[in-house]
Amino acid sequence: MTHRIVVLGAPGAGKGTQAVRISDHFGIPTISTGELFRKHIAAGDELGRLASSYIDAGNLVPDEVTIAMLSDRLEEGDTAGGFILDGFPRTLPQAEELDGLLGDRPLDAVVEFVVDEEAMVGRLLRRAEIEGRSDDTEDVIRHRLEVYHEQTAPLVDYYLERGLLVEVEAMGEIDEVTSRVIAALEQPRVP
């Protein structure tokens, strides 16, 4: 059985932490767009130079550049048994591009990490304090959550309609959340 999985959730929902744990459990790679950008920029290849030009100017990397990087990455042998996408798609047009890219190897599941918004704000403020990120104020965090709801939340309906959405309560201890995610992913789903 393959596990082609997308993880969704607002900032602070624990996507990155859980993606690594799911990856370890199923023996599949986690693919994050941030890592793809860093890899291509470090390699100095054409896609990396292109991405860097946008990032250096303070702009978002266009979808076509991100999709090209993702397409290259999905051709690597370690993705044959599946993968976890963390950070992509973020918008409906990106989800549609991903569908086209995957073709006859569609997604198996989309995990949405559900958390209480006030708890998330508190979690992000604590993380900012621990990591010394003074730019992560409560106003900035609330703005990031608004942007998430505007741009990414519509993906929930998109994947729900396709029978791919798996909602997981993401509050609690890390091990508890991991157990919930794995149990949900191992449940047979009716497409």
Foldseek 3Di string as FASTA:
>chain_A
DAAAEEEAEAPQLCRVVLQVVVCVVQVAEEDELVVLQVVCLVVVDPLNVQCCVQVVVVHHRDLVSSLVSVLVVCVDPRCPRYYYYYHPPQAPVRVVSVCVSCPPNDHQAYEYADEDPVVSLVSVVVVCVVVVPPVSDSVNSVVSRVVSCVGRVVVQVVCVVVQHYDYFHRDDDPVVSSVRVVVSSPDDTDD
